[in-house]
Amino acid sequence: MNVQKARFRRVGMGLTTFGAMAAAMVLAAPSASAWVGDLAISGSDQQVGCSYTLTASVEVDRISTVKFTDNGADIPGSPVSPSLLSNKVTIKWTPKTAGSHKIEARQILISDSITVQVKEAGGLGSASCGLGGLIPSGSG
C-alpha cells in the first residue's frame, strides 16, 4: 500500500507542477495583438493597376501562415509563410478597382487591417505608377 501512496503522491506533484507552469506561461504570454500587426503598404496615392508591397509584423508565431485579403477576397500569393529569421512578412498587391479597399493580414484568429483609397489609373499606363511600389508609407 505504501508504494501505491508514493506513486499517487508523485503523480499529484507532477500534475500540480505542470498546472503551475501552464498558468505561468499563460500569464506571461504577450498580448494577442503581438501575433500579426503593424500592417503597412508601400507608396502613396495608390492607383488601379500599380503594384504595392504589403508588410506585416509577425512577433510571436513565425510558423503559422499569414493570409492577406482585399475586401475579404484572397490576394494572389496568399497565404504567406513567415521567415524564421525575420519578424516581417510581405506580399505584392495590385488593386484592380478604384475606391476603398480594406486590406487585412490574418494569422490564425488574430488580424490587423488598414483601409486604402485607390484612384483610377493615370493616362500614362504603368508609367503613372512611378515609384509607388518602392517608397514605403504608413498605414493608409
N, C-alpha and C. Protein backbone atom coordinates (compact mmCIF):
# COMPACT_ATOMS: atom_id res chain seq x y z
N MET A 1 0.81 -1.19 0.00
CA MET A 1 0.00 0.00 0.00
C MET A 1 0.86 1.26 0.00
N ASN A 2 1.98 1.25 0.69
CA ASN A 2 2.84 2.43 0.76
C ASN A 2 3.41 2.78 -0.60
N VAL A 3 3.67 1.76 -1.43
CA VAL A 3 4.19 2.00 -2.78
C VAL A 3 3.15 2.74 -3.62
N GLN A 4 1.90 2.34 -3.51
CA GLN A 4 0.84 3.00 -4.27
C GLN A 4 0.65 4.44 -3.80
N LYS A 5 0.71 4.68 -2.51
CA LYS A 5 0.56 6.05 -2.00
C LYS A 5 1.70 6.93 -2.52
N ALA A 6 2.90 6.39 -2.54
CA ALA A 6 4.04 7.15 -3.03
C ALA A 6 3.87 7.49 -4.52
N ARG A 7 3.37 6.53 -5.30
CA ARG A 7 3.14 6.78 -6.73
C ARG A 7 2.09 7.86 -6.92
N PHE A 8 0.98 7.76 -6.20
CA PHE A 8 -0.08 8.76 -6.31
C PHE A 8 0.44 10.14 -5.90
N ARG A 9 1.28 10.19 -4.87
CA ARG A 9 1.83 11.44 -4.41
C ARG A 9 2.71 12.06 -5.51
N ARG A 10 3.55 11.22 -6.16
CA ARG A 10 4.42 11.72 -7.22
C ARG A 10 3.61 12.20 -8.43
N VAL A 11 2.57 11.44 -8.78
CA VAL A 11 1.71 11.84 -9.90
C VAL A 11 1.02 13.15 -9.56
N GLY A 12 0.54 13.27 -8.35
CA GLY A 12 -0.12 14.51 -7.92
C GLY A 12 0.82 15.70 -7.96
N MET A 13 2.05 15.50 -7.51
CA MET A 13 3.03 16.59 -7.54
C MET A 13 3.36 16.97 -8.99
N GLY A 14 3.46 15.97 -9.86
CA GLY A 14 3.74 16.24 -11.28
C GLY A 14 2.62 17.04 -11.92
N LEU A 15 1.37 16.66 -11.65
CA LEU A 15 0.24 17.39 -12.21
C LEU A 15 0.16 18.81 -11.65
N THR A 16 0.44 18.97 -10.38
CA THR A 16 0.44 20.30 -9.77
C THR A 16 1.52 21.18 -10.39
N THR A 17 2.70 20.62 -10.56
CA THR A 17 3.80 21.38 -11.17
C THR A 17 3.45 21.77 -12.60
N PHE A 18 2.91 20.81 -13.37
CA PHE A 18 2.51 21.09 -14.74
C PHE A 18 1.47 22.20 -14.78
N GLY A 19 0.48 22.14 -13.92
CA GLY A 19 -0.57 23.16 -13.87
C GLY A 19 -0.01 24.53 -13.54
N ALA A 20 0.91 24.58 -12.58
CA ALA A 20 1.52 25.86 -12.21
C ALA A 20 2.34 26.43 -13.36
N MET A 21 3.07 25.58 -14.07
CA MET A 21 3.88 26.05 -15.20
C MET A 21 2.97 26.54 -16.33
N ALA A 22 1.88 25.82 -16.60
CA ALA A 22 0.95 26.24 -17.65
C ALA A 22 0.33 27.58 -17.31
N ALA A 23 -0.06 27.77 -16.06
CA ALA A 23 -0.64 29.05 -15.63
C ALA A 23 0.37 30.19 -15.78
N ALA A 24 1.61 29.93 -15.42
CA ALA A 24 2.65 30.96 -15.54
C ALA A 24 2.88 31.33 -17.00
N MET A 25 2.84 30.35 -17.90
CA MET A 25 3.04 30.64 -19.32
C MET A 25 1.90 31.49 -19.86
N VAL A 26 0.67 31.20 -19.44
CA VAL A 26 -0.48 31.98 -19.91
C VAL A 26 -0.38 33.41 -19.40
N LEU A 27 -0.03 33.58 -18.14
CA LEU A 27 0.05 34.93 -17.57
C LEU A 27 1.22 35.73 -18.14
N ALA A 28 2.29 35.07 -18.51
CA ALA A 28 3.47 35.76 -19.03
C ALA A 28 3.44 35.94 -20.54
N ALA A 29 2.48 35.34 -21.22
CA ALA A 29 2.40 35.42 -22.68
C ALA A 29 2.13 36.85 -23.12
N PRO A 30 2.69 37.28 -24.27
CA PRO A 30 2.42 38.62 -24.77
C PRO A 30 0.97 38.74 -25.21
N SER A 31 0.51 39.95 -25.35
CA SER A 31 -0.88 40.16 -25.76
C SER A 31 -1.10 39.58 -27.15
N ALA A 32 -2.34 39.23 -27.43
CA ALA A 32 -2.67 38.58 -28.70
C ALA A 32 -2.37 39.47 -29.90
N SER A 33 -2.44 40.78 -29.70
CA SER A 33 -2.21 41.69 -30.83
C SER A 33 -0.76 41.63 -31.32
N ALA A 34 0.11 40.98 -30.58
CA ALA A 34 1.51 40.89 -30.99
C ALA A 34 1.75 39.78 -32.01
N TRP A 35 0.77 38.97 -32.32
CA TRP A 35 0.96 37.90 -33.30
C TRP A 35 1.21 38.47 -34.68
N VAL A 36 0.24 39.14 -35.23
CA VAL A 36 0.39 39.79 -36.53
C VAL A 36 -0.12 41.22 -36.37
N GLY A 37 0.63 42.17 -36.89
CA GLY A 37 0.23 43.56 -36.73
C GLY A 37 1.09 44.49 -37.54
N ASP A 38 0.92 45.77 -37.29
CA ASP A 38 1.68 46.81 -37.98
C ASP A 38 1.60 46.66 -39.49
N LEU A 39 0.41 46.39 -40.00
CA LEU A 39 0.22 46.24 -41.45
C LEU A 39 0.44 47.59 -42.12
N ALA A 40 1.25 47.61 -43.16
CA ALA A 40 1.56 48.85 -43.89
C ALA A 40 1.62 48.55 -45.39
N ILE A 41 1.47 49.61 -46.17
CA ILE A 41 1.54 49.49 -47.63
C ILE A 41 2.61 50.45 -48.14
N SER A 42 3.33 50.03 -49.17
CA SER A 42 4.35 50.89 -49.76
C SER A 42 3.67 51.97 -50.60
N GLY A 43 4.38 53.06 -50.78
CA GLY A 43 3.90 54.11 -51.66
C GLY A 43 2.79 54.96 -51.05
N SER A 44 2.28 55.84 -51.88
CA SER A 44 1.16 56.69 -51.51
C SER A 44 0.35 56.95 -52.77
N ASP A 45 -0.84 57.47 -52.62
CA ASP A 45 -1.71 57.72 -53.77
C ASP A 45 -1.83 56.47 -54.64
N GLN A 46 -2.26 55.36 -54.04
CA GLN A 46 -2.37 54.09 -54.75
C GLN A 46 -3.34 54.21 -55.93
N GLN A 47 -2.95 53.56 -57.05
CA GLN A 47 -3.73 53.60 -58.28
C GLN A 47 -4.04 52.18 -58.77
N VAL A 48 -5.14 52.08 -59.50
CA VAL A 48 -5.51 50.81 -60.13
C VAL A 48 -4.38 50.38 -61.06
N GLY A 49 -4.01 49.10 -61.01
CA GLY A 49 -3.02 48.54 -61.92
C GLY A 49 -1.58 48.68 -61.47
N CYS A 50 -1.32 49.46 -60.42
CA CYS A 50 0.04 49.60 -59.91
C CYS A 50 0.27 48.57 -58.82
N SER A 51 1.52 48.16 -58.66
CA SER A 51 1.86 47.13 -57.69
C SER A 51 2.44 47.76 -56.42
N TYR A 52 2.00 47.25 -55.26
CA TYR A 52 2.44 47.76 -53.97
C TYR A 52 2.84 46.59 -53.08
N THR A 53 3.69 46.85 -52.12
CA THR A 53 4.11 45.81 -51.17
C THR A 53 3.37 46.00 -49.87
N LEU A 54 2.70 44.95 -49.42
CA LEU A 54 2.06 44.93 -48.11
C LEU A 54 3.02 44.24 -47.15
N THR A 55 3.23 44.84 -45.99
CA THR A 55 4.15 44.30 -44.99
C THR A 55 3.45 44.24 -43.64
N ALA A 56 3.57 43.10 -42.96
CA ALA A 56 3.03 42.96 -41.61
C ALA A 56 4.11 42.39 -40.71
N SER A 57 4.07 42.76 -39.44
CA SER A 57 4.99 42.21 -38.45
C SER A 57 4.41 40.93 -37.88
N VAL A 58 5.27 39.96 -37.65
CA VAL A 58 4.89 38.70 -37.03
C VAL A 58 5.81 38.52 -35.83
N GLU A 59 5.32 38.87 -34.65
CA GLU A 59 6.18 38.91 -33.47
C GLU A 59 6.23 37.59 -32.70
N VAL A 60 5.14 36.84 -32.65
CA VAL A 60 5.07 35.66 -31.79
C VAL A 60 5.18 34.37 -32.59
N ASP A 61 4.31 34.18 -33.55
CA ASP A 61 4.21 32.91 -34.27
C ASP A 61 4.82 33.06 -35.66
N ARG A 62 6.02 32.52 -35.83
CA ARG A 62 6.68 32.59 -37.14
C ARG A 62 6.55 31.29 -37.90
N ILE A 63 5.61 30.45 -37.48
CA ILE A 63 5.38 29.17 -38.15
C ILE A 63 4.07 29.19 -38.93
N SER A 64 3.01 29.75 -38.33
CA SER A 64 1.70 29.80 -38.99
C SER A 64 1.71 30.81 -40.12
N THR A 65 1.03 30.48 -41.20
CA THR A 65 0.97 31.37 -42.36
C THR A 65 0.14 32.61 -42.07
N VAL A 66 0.36 33.65 -42.86
CA VAL A 66 -0.39 34.89 -42.77
C VAL A 66 -1.22 35.01 -44.05
N LYS A 67 -2.52 35.20 -43.88
CA LYS A 67 -3.43 35.32 -45.02
C LYS A 67 -3.73 36.80 -45.25
N PHE A 68 -3.50 37.26 -46.48
CA PHE A 68 -3.79 38.64 -46.85
C PHE A 68 -5.05 38.67 -47.70
N THR A 69 -5.96 39.61 -47.38
CA THR A 69 -7.19 39.75 -48.17
C THR A 69 -7.42 41.21 -48.54
N ASP A 70 -8.13 41.39 -49.64
CA ASP A 70 -8.56 42.71 -50.13
C ASP A 70 -10.08 42.68 -50.18
N ASN A 71 -10.72 43.43 -49.31
CA ASN A 71 -12.19 43.43 -49.19
C ASN A 71 -12.73 42.00 -49.05
N GLY A 72 -12.02 41.18 -48.29
CA GLY A 72 -12.46 39.82 -48.00
C GLY A 72 -12.00 38.76 -48.99
N ALA A 73 -11.48 39.16 -50.14
CA ALA A 73 -11.01 38.20 -51.15
C ALA A 73 -9.51 38.00 -50.99
N ASP A 74 -9.09 36.74 -51.13
CA ASP A 74 -7.66 36.44 -51.02
C ASP A 74 -6.85 37.21 -52.06
N ILE A 75 -5.73 37.75 -51.63
CA ILE A 75 -4.79 38.40 -52.54
C ILE A 75 -3.95 37.29 -53.18
N PRO A 76 -3.77 37.29 -54.51
CA PRO A 76 -2.97 36.23 -55.14
C PRO A 76 -1.60 36.09 -54.47
N GLY A 77 -1.23 34.84 -54.18
CA GLY A 77 0.03 34.56 -53.49
C GLY A 77 -0.17 34.34 -51.99
N SER A 78 -1.37 34.61 -51.51
CA SER A 78 -1.68 34.43 -50.10
C SER A 78 -2.25 33.03 -49.88
N PRO A 79 -1.96 32.40 -48.77
CA PRO A 79 -1.25 32.84 -47.58
C PRO A 79 0.27 32.79 -47.77
N VAL A 80 0.96 33.54 -46.90
CA VAL A 80 2.41 33.65 -46.96
C VAL A 80 3.01 33.06 -45.69
N SER A 81 4.07 32.27 -45.85
CA SER A 81 4.77 31.71 -44.70
C SER A 81 5.84 32.69 -44.23
N PRO A 82 5.82 33.05 -42.95
CA PRO A 82 6.85 33.96 -42.43
C PRO A 82 8.22 33.30 -42.43
N SER A 83 9.25 34.11 -42.49
CA SER A 83 10.62 33.62 -42.36
C SER A 83 10.91 33.41 -40.89
N LEU A 84 11.63 32.36 -40.56
CA LEU A 84 12.00 32.13 -39.18
C LEU A 84 13.05 33.13 -38.71
N LEU A 85 13.71 33.81 -39.65
CA LEU A 85 14.78 34.74 -39.31
C LEU A 85 14.33 36.19 -39.23
N SER A 86 13.12 36.49 -39.70
CA SER A 86 12.63 37.87 -39.74
C SER A 86 11.27 37.95 -39.08
N ASN A 87 10.94 39.10 -38.54
CA ASN A 87 9.62 39.27 -37.96
C ASN A 87 8.68 40.01 -38.93
N LYS A 88 9.00 39.99 -40.22
CA LYS A 88 8.18 40.64 -41.23
C LYS A 88 7.73 39.62 -42.27
N VAL A 89 6.55 39.85 -42.81
CA VAL A 89 6.04 39.04 -43.90
C VAL A 89 5.49 40.02 -44.95
N THR A 90 5.77 39.75 -46.23
CA THR A 90 5.36 40.67 -47.29
C THR A 90 4.66 39.93 -48.43
N ILE A 91 3.89 40.71 -49.19
CA ILE A 91 3.22 40.20 -50.38
C ILE A 91 3.00 41.38 -51.32
N LYS A 92 3.01 41.12 -52.62
CA LYS A 92 2.71 42.16 -53.62
C LYS A 92 1.20 42.22 -53.82
N TRP A 93 0.68 43.44 -53.97
CA TRP A 93 -0.76 43.65 -54.18
C TRP A 93 -0.94 44.65 -55.31
N THR A 94 -1.79 44.29 -56.27
CA THR A 94 -2.11 45.17 -57.39
C THR A 94 -3.63 45.38 -57.40
N PRO A 95 -4.10 46.56 -56.98
CA PRO A 95 -5.55 46.79 -56.96
C PRO A 95 -6.11 46.81 -58.38
N LYS A 96 -7.29 46.22 -58.52
CA LYS A 96 -7.93 46.14 -59.84
C LYS A 96 -9.09 47.11 -59.98
N THR A 97 -9.54 47.68 -58.86
CA THR A 97 -10.67 48.62 -58.90
C THR A 97 -10.35 49.85 -58.06
N ALA A 98 -10.95 50.97 -58.45
CA ALA A 98 -10.81 52.21 -57.67
C ALA A 98 -11.76 52.15 -56.48
N GLY A 99 -11.47 52.99 -55.49
CA GLY A 99 -12.35 53.07 -54.32
C GLY A 99 -11.66 52.59 -53.06
N SER A 100 -12.48 52.33 -52.06
CA SER A 100 -11.98 51.92 -50.75
C SER A 100 -11.69 50.43 -50.71
N HIS A 101 -10.51 50.08 -50.21
CA HIS A 101 -10.10 48.68 -50.09
C HIS A 101 -9.69 48.42 -48.65
N LYS A 102 -10.35 47.45 -48.01
CA LYS A 102 -9.94 47.03 -46.66
C LYS A 102 -8.95 45.88 -46.84
N ILE A 103 -7.70 46.16 -46.50
CA ILE A 103 -6.64 45.16 -46.60
C ILE A 103 -6.45 44.56 -45.21
N GLU A 104 -6.46 43.24 -45.14
CA GLU A 104 -6.33 42.56 -43.86
C GLU A 104 -5.23 41.51 -43.91
N ALA A 105 -4.46 41.43 -42.82
CA ALA A 105 -3.48 40.37 -42.62
C ALA A 105 -3.99 39.56 -41.43
N ARG A 106 -4.16 38.25 -41.60
CA ARG A 106 -4.70 37.40 -40.54
C ARG A 106 -3.80 36.20 -40.32
N GLN A 107 -3.54 35.95 -39.03
CA GLN A 107 -2.75 34.77 -38.63
C GLN A 107 -3.56 34.06 -37.55
N ILE A 108 -4.05 32.88 -37.88
CA ILE A 108 -4.95 32.10 -37.03
C ILE A 108 -6.17 32.98 -36.71
N LEU A 109 -6.35 33.41 -35.48
CA LEU A 109 -7.53 34.22 -35.12
C LEU A 109 -7.21 35.69 -34.92
N ILE A 110 -5.96 36.09 -35.12
CA ILE A 110 -5.54 37.47 -34.89
C ILE A 110 -5.36 38.16 -36.24
N SER A 111 -5.84 39.41 -36.33
CA SER A 111 -5.69 40.12 -37.60
C SER A 111 -5.40 41.60 -37.37
N ASP A 112 -4.93 42.24 -38.42
CA ASP A 112 -4.72 43.67 -38.45
C ASP A 112 -5.20 44.13 -39.82
N SER A 113 -5.75 45.33 -39.91
CA SER A 113 -6.25 45.80 -41.20
C SER A 113 -6.00 47.29 -41.36
N ILE A 114 -5.97 47.69 -42.61
CA ILE A 114 -5.88 49.10 -42.98
C ILE A 114 -6.88 49.34 -44.11
N THR A 115 -7.31 50.57 -44.27
CA THR A 115 -8.17 50.93 -45.39
C THR A 115 -7.37 51.83 -46.33
N VAL A 116 -7.38 51.47 -47.61
CA VAL A 116 -6.60 52.18 -48.62
C VAL A 116 -7.57 52.73 -49.66
N GLN A 117 -7.41 54.00 -50.01
CA GLN A 117 -8.21 54.61 -51.07
C GLN A 117 -7.42 54.51 -52.38
N VAL A 118 -7.98 53.79 -53.35
CA VAL A 118 -7.30 53.57 -54.63
C VAL A 118 -7.94 54.46 -55.69
N LYS A 119 -7.08 55.18 -56.45
CA LYS A 119 -7.53 56.07 -57.52
C LYS A 119 -7.56 55.31 -58.84
N GLU A 120 -8.31 55.87 -59.80
CA GLU A 120 -8.28 55.34 -61.16
C GLU A 120 -6.87 55.49 -61.71
N ALA A 121 -6.50 54.62 -62.63
CA ALA A 121 -5.17 54.68 -63.24
C ALA A 121 -5.01 55.97 -64.01
N GLY A 122 -3.79 56.51 -63.98
CA GLY A 122 -3.49 57.71 -64.75
C GLY A 122 -3.45 57.39 -66.23
N GLY A 123 -3.42 58.39 -67.06
CA GLY A 123 -3.45 58.20 -68.50
C GLY A 123 -2.15 57.67 -69.09
N LEU A 124 -1.10 57.52 -68.28
CA LEU A 124 0.19 57.09 -68.81
C LEU A 124 0.44 55.60 -68.65
N GLY A 125 -0.57 54.83 -68.29
CA GLY A 125 -0.39 53.39 -68.09
C GLY A 125 0.50 53.12 -66.91
N SER A 126 1.38 52.12 -67.03
CA SER A 126 2.24 51.75 -65.90
C SER A 126 3.23 52.84 -65.54
N ALA A 127 3.51 53.77 -66.48
CA ALA A 127 4.42 54.87 -66.19
C ALA A 127 3.84 55.78 -65.12
N SER A 128 2.51 55.82 -65.01
CA SER A 128 1.88 56.67 -63.99
C SER A 128 2.06 56.09 -62.60
N CYS A 129 2.48 54.86 -62.51
CA CYS A 129 2.70 54.25 -61.19
C CYS A 129 3.95 54.83 -60.53
N GLY A 130 4.89 55.29 -61.30
CA GLY A 130 6.08 55.89 -60.75
C GLY A 130 6.78 54.96 -59.78
N LEU A 131 7.12 55.47 -58.62
CA LEU A 131 7.82 54.68 -57.59
C LEU A 131 6.85 54.16 -56.55
N GLY A 132 5.56 54.10 -56.87
CA GLY A 132 4.54 53.74 -55.91
C GLY A 132 4.81 52.47 -55.13
N GLY A 133 5.40 51.46 -55.74
CA GLY A 133 5.65 50.21 -55.02
C GLY A 133 6.97 50.18 -54.30
N LEU A 134 7.76 51.27 -54.41
CA LEU A 134 9.10 51.24 -53.84
C LEU A 134 9.28 52.11 -52.61
N ILE A 135 8.43 53.10 -52.43
CA ILE A 135 8.58 54.02 -51.30
C ILE A 135 7.57 53.65 -50.23
N PRO A 136 8.03 53.21 -49.05
CA PRO A 136 7.09 52.81 -48.02
C PRO A 136 6.37 53.99 -47.41
N SER A 137 5.16 53.73 -46.95
CA SER A 137 4.40 54.75 -46.22
C SER A 137 3.77 54.09 -45.02
N GLY A 138 3.17 54.86 -44.18
CA GLY A 138 2.47 54.32 -43.02
C GLY A 138 1.18 53.67 -43.45
N SER A 139 0.42 53.17 -42.47
CA SER A 139 -0.86 52.56 -42.80
C SER A 139 -1.80 53.64 -43.30
N GLY A 140 -2.55 53.26 -44.37
CA GLY A 140 -3.37 54.21 -45.09
C GLY A 140 -4.48 54.69 -44.31
